[in-house]
Amino acid sequence: MGILLPKNRCNIGYQTGVSLVMTTTVTQQPPIVIAHRGASGYRPEHTLAAYKLAIEMGANFIEPDLVSTKDGILIARHENEMSQTTDVVNHPEFAHRRTTKIIDGEVKNGWFTEDFTLGEIKTLRAKERIPQIRPQNAVYDGKFDIPTFQEIIDLVKGKTIGIYPETKHPSYFQSIGLPLEEPLLEVLHGNGYRGDKAPIFIQSFEVNNLKQLSQKTDLPLVQLLNDTGKPYDVNFSYQDLATVAGLRDIAEYALAIGVNKNLVVPRDRNNKLLSPTSLINDAHGVNLLVHAWTFRNEDFFLPLDFQGNPQGEYELFFGLGIDGVFSDFPDIGLRTIEV
């Protein structure tokens, strides 16, 4: 499955709670559904079980967040601090490994992947990260181990599905002598992922590592944009990157942007949707695809406009011409596309 460059599509209007906005979209057809950390609404995130379920559901891509072990092996965890997603706290043999670090300017206390060999990490078991919201997933606590990036690639071999890895905290890992980029490319190239049509996107919230990757590979790259703050490795904000000038700069090294969906349709302080911004059109104007995150079923995450109706949120974004969505519940996104 190759990566398609955008094609023009007709004008589409969509009624938000505020106004009807007309937009000329430039998009893949149909939009892709990216299983966010696997089918993480149904299984603990970043487990082979979550990825396998997403594949069975028909997701177009599965998304592993990548961090490094002490011995330089890439594994799938949302963060390098493991106490929220593994049972490391229940392992007395690792109690002395608990420590405090500064990761991207934030103080973190716990157990960190870079202090463990792969063999040690394989003795841990995954657990649900948000059991208060997803108690149905907590029943799987302790059943699954922590997968390597290679194991995830092995899972998709022979299947029509792409992978969408994210390099987590690349500047930090570079600073401790465990850079993510070289092992990432080594694994990908060694498994036949080459060229700009390969079924892969490589994403990062940082800027410079993507620019460096663009000099080393022609695999598709994605600049992630949050609705607040800034990339750790530069002195300008995500809002600056979301301007026409910023998007033009991104287009020099990336094929797509992966955006907090609030940059596409903002919310007011009461959690109600406002009118859509021009971001999709602006990005398409410089030949960037737009993938939005994160779509979830629970009312805790939904705007007031779609409480109890997660499918309606997908319909809104698909109507606005989004090229892809990151979803914890990929079956809902796929079902919406089919309607």
Protein backbone atom coordinates (compact mmCIF):
# COMPACT_ATOMS: atom_id res chain seq x y z
CA MET A 1 0.00 0.00 0.00
CA GLY A 2 1.64 3.21 -1.15
CA ILE A 3 1.28 6.75 0.12
CA LEU A 4 -0.81 8.85 -2.26
CA LEU A 5 -0.25 12.53 -2.77
CA PRO A 6 -3.32 14.75 -2.39
CA LYS A 7 -5.91 15.07 -5.11
CA ASN A 8 -8.46 17.84 -5.50
CA ARG A 9 -11.99 17.19 -4.37
CA CYS A 10 -15.14 19.23 -4.63
CA ASN A 11 -16.27 21.84 -2.11
CA ILE A 12 -17.84 20.42 1.01
CA GLY A 13 -19.86 22.32 3.56
CA TYR A 14 -20.45 21.22 7.14
CA GLN A 15 -22.79 22.69 9.72
CA THR A 16 -21.05 23.24 13.06
CA GLY A 17 -22.74 24.58 16.14
CA VAL A 18 -21.75 28.07 15.03
CA SER A 19 -21.78 28.42 11.28
CA LEU A 20 -21.63 26.65 7.94
CA VAL A 21 -18.08 26.75 6.64
CA MET A 22 -17.27 26.00 3.00
CA THR A 23 -13.88 24.50 2.30
CA THR A 24 -12.12 23.31 -0.82
CA THR A 25 -10.35 20.15 0.25
CA VAL A 26 -7.26 18.46 -1.06
CA THR A 27 -7.16 14.98 0.31
CA GLN A 28 -6.40 11.32 -0.02
CA GLN A 29 -9.45 9.29 -0.87
CA PRO A 30 -10.80 8.02 1.39
CA PRO A 31 -9.28 9.38 4.62
CA ILE A 32 -7.01 6.98 6.46
CA VAL A 33 -7.75 5.68 9.95
CA ILE A 34 -4.69 5.38 12.17
CA ALA A 35 -5.10 3.06 15.14
CA HIS A 36 -3.74 5.26 17.92
CA ARG A 37 -1.37 3.05 19.96
CA GLY A 38 -3.34 0.16 18.47
CA ALA A 39 -7.04 -0.31 19.17
CA SER A 40 -6.35 1.24 22.56
CA GLY A 41 -10.00 1.82 23.36
CA TYR A 42 -10.37 -1.96 23.61
CA ARG A 43 -6.98 -3.25 24.81
CA PRO A 44 -4.14 -1.71 26.83
CA GLU A 45 -2.21 0.62 24.52
CA HIS A 46 1.02 -0.35 22.78
CA THR A 47 0.52 -4.10 23.14
CA LEU A 48 0.57 -6.63 20.34
CA ALA A 49 -3.02 -7.45 21.31
CA ALA A 50 -4.06 -3.83 20.69
CA TYR A 51 -2.26 -3.73 17.34
CA LYS A 52 -3.61 -7.12 16.29
CA LEU A 53 -7.18 -6.06 17.04
CA ALA A 54 -6.71 -2.85 15.04
CA ILE A 55 -5.47 -4.87 12.09
CA GLU A 56 -8.48 -7.17 12.34
CA MET A 57 -10.76 -4.12 12.40
CA GLY A 58 -9.26 -2.93 9.12
CA ALA A 59 -7.28 0.10 10.26
CA ASN A 60 -5.07 1.61 7.57
CA PHE A 61 -2.13 2.22 9.93
CA ILE A 62 -1.11 1.24 13.43
CA GLU A 63 0.79 3.75 15.56
CA PRO A 64 3.64 2.79 17.90
CA ASP A 65 5.32 5.43 20.07
CA LEU A 66 9.00 4.52 20.25
CA VAL A 67 11.48 4.85 23.10
CA SER A 68 14.82 3.15 23.71
CA THR A 69 16.03 0.52 26.14
CA LYS A 70 19.42 0.69 27.86
CA ASP A 71 20.82 -1.59 25.16
CA GLY A 72 19.49 0.55 22.32
CA ILE A 73 16.43 -1.48 21.29
CA LEU A 74 13.32 0.42 20.22
CA ILE A 75 10.19 -0.55 22.14
CA ALA A 76 6.61 0.72 22.10
CA ARG A 77 5.65 2.88 25.09
CA HIS A 78 3.81 6.18 25.24
CA GLU A 79 6.54 7.54 27.51
CA ASN A 80 9.95 6.38 28.66
CA GLU A 81 8.62 6.52 32.26
CA MET A 82 6.89 3.17 32.71
CA SER A 83 4.90 3.22 35.95
CA GLN A 84 1.68 4.35 34.26
CA THR A 85 1.65 1.60 31.63
CA THR A 86 3.45 -1.39 33.20
CA ASP A 87 3.55 -3.32 36.46
CA VAL A 88 7.14 -2.24 37.22
CA VAL A 89 6.06 -0.97 40.65
CA ASN A 90 5.22 -4.57 41.59
CA HIS A 91 8.75 -5.81 40.85
CA PRO A 92 10.82 -5.53 44.04
CA GLU A 93 13.97 -6.43 42.12
CA PHE A 94 13.64 -3.07 40.33
CA ALA A 95 12.68 -0.91 43.32
CA HIS A 96 16.15 0.66 43.43
CA ARG A 97 15.78 1.82 39.81
CA ARG A 98 13.16 4.41 40.75
CA THR A 99 14.61 7.85 40.13
CA THR A 100 13.82 11.44 39.18
CA LYS A 101 14.77 12.91 35.82
CA ILE A 102 14.10 16.03 33.79
CA ILE A 103 12.56 15.04 30.45
CA ASP A 104 11.99 17.88 27.99
CA GLY A 105 12.03 20.37 30.86
CA GLU A 106 9.55 18.46 33.04
CA VAL A 107 10.44 16.69 36.29
CA LYS A 108 9.48 13.01 36.12
CA ASN A 109 9.73 10.42 38.88
CA GLY A 110 9.55 6.71 38.25
CA TRP A 111 11.17 3.94 36.23
CA PHE A 112 12.63 4.75 32.81
CA THR A 113 13.10 2.50 29.81
CA GLU A 114 16.66 3.70 29.24
CA ASP A 115 17.68 2.24 32.61
CA PHE A 116 16.50 -1.28 31.67
CA THR A 117 17.79 -3.81 29.17
CA LEU A 118 15.31 -5.38 26.81
CA GLY A 119 15.58 -8.64 28.75
CA GLU A 120 14.56 -6.85 31.94
CA ILE A 121 11.70 -5.01 30.24
CA LYS A 122 10.39 -8.29 28.88
CA THR A 123 9.78 -9.39 32.49
CA LEU A 124 7.25 -6.55 32.88
CA ARG A 125 3.61 -6.67 31.86
CA ALA A 126 1.45 -3.94 30.38
CA LYS A 127 -1.50 -2.37 32.15
CA GLU A 128 -4.28 0.04 31.19
CA ARG A 129 -3.07 3.65 31.43
CA ILE A 130 -6.49 5.21 32.23
CA PRO A 131 -8.43 2.51 34.12
CA GLN A 132 -10.79 5.06 35.66
CA ILE A 133 -12.06 5.85 32.14
CA ARG A 134 -11.57 2.40 30.60
CA PRO A 135 -12.20 -0.16 33.33
CA GLN A 136 -13.05 -2.73 30.64
CA ASN A 137 -9.42 -2.63 29.55
CA ALA A 138 -8.07 -3.16 33.06
CA VAL A 139 -9.19 -6.79 32.93
CA TYR A 140 -6.25 -7.35 30.57
CA ASP A 141 -3.68 -5.97 33.04
CA GLY A 142 -0.74 -8.34 33.34
CA LYS A 143 -1.59 -10.40 30.24
CA PHE A 144 0.69 -8.78 27.66
CA ASP A 145 4.37 -7.94 27.51
CA ILE A 146 6.07 -4.86 26.07
CA PRO A 147 6.64 -5.22 22.32
CA THR A 148 9.71 -4.22 20.39
CA PHE A 149 9.41 -2.23 17.20
CA GLN A 150 10.62 -5.28 15.28
CA GLU A 151 7.85 -7.40 16.79
CA ILE A 152 5.29 -4.84 15.60
CA ILE A 153 6.74 -4.92 12.09
CA ASP A 154 6.64 -8.73 12.18
CA LEU A 155 2.95 -8.48 13.08
CA VAL A 156 2.11 -6.50 9.92
CA LYS A 157 4.23 -8.50 7.48
CA GLY A 158 2.10 -9.90 4.68
CA LYS A 159 -0.83 -7.65 5.58
CA THR A 160 -2.18 -4.57 3.84
CA ILE A 161 -1.54 -2.11 6.64
CA GLY A 162 0.95 0.65 7.30
CA ILE A 163 2.88 1.66 10.39
CA TYR A 164 3.05 5.19 11.82
CA PRO A 165 5.87 5.32 14.40
CA GLU A 166 6.58 8.35 16.59
CA THR A 167 10.00 9.18 17.98
CA LYS A 168 9.40 10.15 21.62
CA HIS A 169 11.68 12.73 23.26
CA PRO A 170 14.33 12.50 20.53
CA SER A 171 16.51 15.33 21.91
CA TYR A 172 16.55 13.70 25.34
CA PHE A 173 17.52 10.29 24.00
CA GLN A 174 20.19 11.92 21.84
CA SER A 175 21.57 13.65 24.95
CA ILE A 176 22.06 10.36 26.80
CA GLY A 177 23.73 8.58 23.90
CA LEU A 178 20.69 6.57 22.80
CA PRO A 179 19.53 8.35 19.63
CA LEU A 180 16.30 7.04 18.17
CA GLU A 181 16.79 7.95 14.53
CA GLU A 182 19.61 5.60 13.53
CA PRO A 183 18.02 2.47 15.08
CA LEU A 184 14.66 3.47 13.57
CA LEU A 185 16.04 3.72 10.04
CA GLU A 186 18.11 0.58 10.50
CA VAL A 187 15.03 -1.43 11.45
CA LEU A 188 12.85 0.10 8.73
CA HIS A 189 15.36 -0.20 5.91
CA GLY A 190 16.26 -3.70 7.05
CA ASN A 191 12.59 -4.68 6.74
CA GLY A 192 12.19 -3.23 3.25
CA TYR A 193 10.63 0.15 4.08
CA ARG A 194 12.18 2.40 1.45
CA GLY A 195 10.97 5.23 -0.75
CA ASP A 196 8.26 7.85 -0.46
CA LYS A 197 5.51 5.35 -1.37
CA ALA A 198 6.34 2.96 1.48
CA PRO A 199 3.37 2.25 3.80
CA ILE A 200 4.76 4.32 6.65
CA PHE A 201 4.75 7.76 8.21
CA ILE A 202 7.45 8.78 10.72
CA GLN A 203 6.21 11.44 13.14
CA SER A 204 7.69 13.72 15.77
CA PHE A 205 6.72 16.71 17.90
CA GLU A 206 10.26 17.99 17.49
CA VAL A 207 11.51 19.73 14.36
CA ASN A 208 15.22 19.19 13.98
CA ASN A 209 15.14 15.41 14.12
CA LEU A 210 12.62 15.38 11.27
CA LYS A 211 14.84 17.71 9.26
CA GLN A 212 17.79 15.42 9.92
CA LEU A 213 15.75 12.37 8.96
CA SER A 214 14.76 14.07 5.70
CA GLN A 215 18.45 14.14 4.79
CA LYS A 216 18.88 10.43 5.53
CA THR A 217 15.71 8.87 4.13
CA ASP A 218 12.93 9.56 1.67
CA LEU A 219 10.34 7.82 3.83
CA PRO A 220 7.30 10.07 4.51
CA LEU A 221 7.67 12.34 7.54
CA VAL A 222 5.00 14.03 9.68
CA GLN A 223 5.38 17.16 11.79
CA LEU A 224 3.17 16.92 14.88
CA LEU A 225 1.48 20.10 16.10
CA ASN A 226 -0.18 20.61 19.46
CA ASP A 227 -2.68 23.39 20.17
CA THR A 228 -0.47 24.87 22.91
CA GLY A 229 3.22 25.11 23.69
CA LYS A 230 6.23 24.62 21.42
CA PRO A 231 8.52 21.89 20.13
CA TYR A 232 11.18 21.20 22.72
CA ASP A 233 14.07 21.75 20.32
CA VAL A 234 13.17 25.15 18.80
CA ASN A 235 12.24 28.62 20.01
CA PHE A 236 8.98 29.05 18.10
CA SER A 237 5.53 27.74 18.96
CA TYR A 238 3.21 25.20 17.41
CA GLN A 239 0.93 28.11 16.58
CA ASP A 240 3.78 29.62 14.55
CA LEU A 241 4.18 26.35 12.67
CA ALA A 242 0.44 26.31 11.93
CA THR A 243 0.61 29.61 10.01
CA VAL A 244 0.88 29.63 6.22
CA ALA A 245 4.57 30.57 6.49
CA GLY A 246 5.18 27.83 9.04
CA LEU A 247 3.37 25.23 6.94
CA ARG A 248 5.43 26.23 3.92
CA ASP A 249 8.58 25.57 5.94
CA ILE A 250 7.26 22.19 7.10
CA ALA A 251 6.54 21.22 3.49
CA GLU A 252 10.28 21.43 2.81
CA TYR A 253 10.93 18.32 4.93
CA ALA A 254 7.59 16.60 5.64
CA LEU A 255 4.66 15.16 3.71
CA ALA A 256 2.03 15.77 6.38
CA ILE A 257 1.14 17.43 9.64
CA GLY A 258 -0.39 15.53 12.53
CA VAL A 259 -2.45 18.04 14.47
CA ASN A 260 -4.36 18.34 17.69
CA LYS A 261 -7.92 18.45 16.38
CA ASN A 262 -8.50 21.70 18.30
CA LEU A 263 -6.31 23.39 15.71
CA VAL A 264 -8.89 22.39 13.10
CA VAL A 265 -12.07 22.99 15.11
CA PRO A 266 -11.38 24.94 18.32
CA ARG A 267 -13.46 24.64 21.48
CA ASP A 268 -14.59 27.42 23.78
CA ARG A 269 -14.11 27.39 27.55
CA ASN A 270 -17.40 25.50 27.91
CA ASN A 271 -16.12 22.68 25.65
CA LYS A 272 -18.40 23.66 22.77
CA LEU A 273 -17.10 23.72 19.22
CA LEU A 274 -16.32 26.99 17.47
CA SER A 275 -16.07 27.58 13.72
CA PRO A 276 -13.38 25.61 11.89
CA THR A 277 -10.09 27.31 11.13
CA SER A 278 -8.42 27.52 7.73
CA LEU A 279 -5.69 25.03 8.71
CA ILE A 280 -6.77 22.20 6.40
CA ASN A 281 -6.98 24.51 3.38
CA ASP A 282 -3.73 26.23 4.30
CA ALA A 283 -1.91 22.92 4.62
CA HIS A 284 -3.37 21.55 1.41
CA GLY A 285 -2.30 24.76 -0.30
CA VAL A 286 1.34 23.79 0.28
CA ASN A 287 0.73 20.07 -0.49
CA LEU A 288 0.72 18.87 3.11
CA LEU A 289 -1.67 16.15 4.22
CA VAL A 290 -3.50 16.73 7.50
CA HIS A 291 -4.04 13.98 10.08
CA ALA A 292 -5.89 14.92 13.28
CA TRP A 293 -5.68 13.44 16.78
CA THR A 294 -7.12 11.95 18.90
CA PHE A 295 -10.62 10.57 18.32
CA ARG A 296 -12.14 8.73 21.28
CA ASN A 297 -15.60 7.44 22.21
CA GLU A 298 -15.81 8.58 25.81
CA ASP A 299 -17.71 11.75 26.73
CA PHE A 300 -14.73 12.73 28.89
CA PHE A 301 -12.87 13.51 25.66
CA LEU A 302 -15.72 14.62 23.38
CA PRO A 303 -16.91 18.20 22.87
CA LEU A 304 -20.38 18.96 24.23
CA ASP A 305 -21.71 18.98 20.66
CA PHE A 306 -21.06 15.24 20.31
CA GLN A 307 -21.55 13.83 23.79
CA GLY A 308 -22.89 10.33 23.30
CA ASN A 309 -22.29 10.60 19.55
CA PRO A 310 -18.61 10.00 18.76
CA GLN A 311 -19.46 9.15 15.17
CA GLY A 312 -20.71 12.70 14.69
CA GLU A 313 -17.25 14.07 15.43
CA TYR A 314 -15.74 11.92 12.71
CA GLU A 315 -18.42 13.09 10.30
CA LEU A 316 -17.54 16.70 11.05
CA PHE A 317 -13.84 16.22 10.36
CA PHE A 318 -14.35 14.04 7.30
CA GLY A 319 -16.72 16.68 5.97
CA LEU A 320 -14.04 19.33 6.43
CA GLY A 321 -11.65 17.32 4.26
CA ILE A 322 -9.26 15.84 6.80
CA ASP A 323 -6.87 13.30 5.25
CA GLY A 324 -6.68 11.00 8.25
CA VAL A 325 -7.60 10.54 11.89
CA PHE A 326 -5.82 8.99 14.84
CA SER A 327 -8.38 6.94 16.74
CA ASP A 328 -8.45 4.80 19.88
CA PHE A 329 -11.55 3.16 18.36
CA PRO A 330 -10.59 2.60 14.70
CA ASP A 331 -13.72 0.59 13.97
CA ILE A 332 -15.85 3.69 14.57
CA GLY A 333 -13.80 5.79 12.18
CA LEU A 334 -13.90 3.11 9.51
CA ARG A 335 -17.64 2.63 9.96
CA THR A 336 -18.19 6.35 9.52
CA ILE A 337 -16.22 6.42 6.27
CA GLU A 338 -18.35 3.59 4.91
CA VAL A 339 -21.65 5.38 5.59
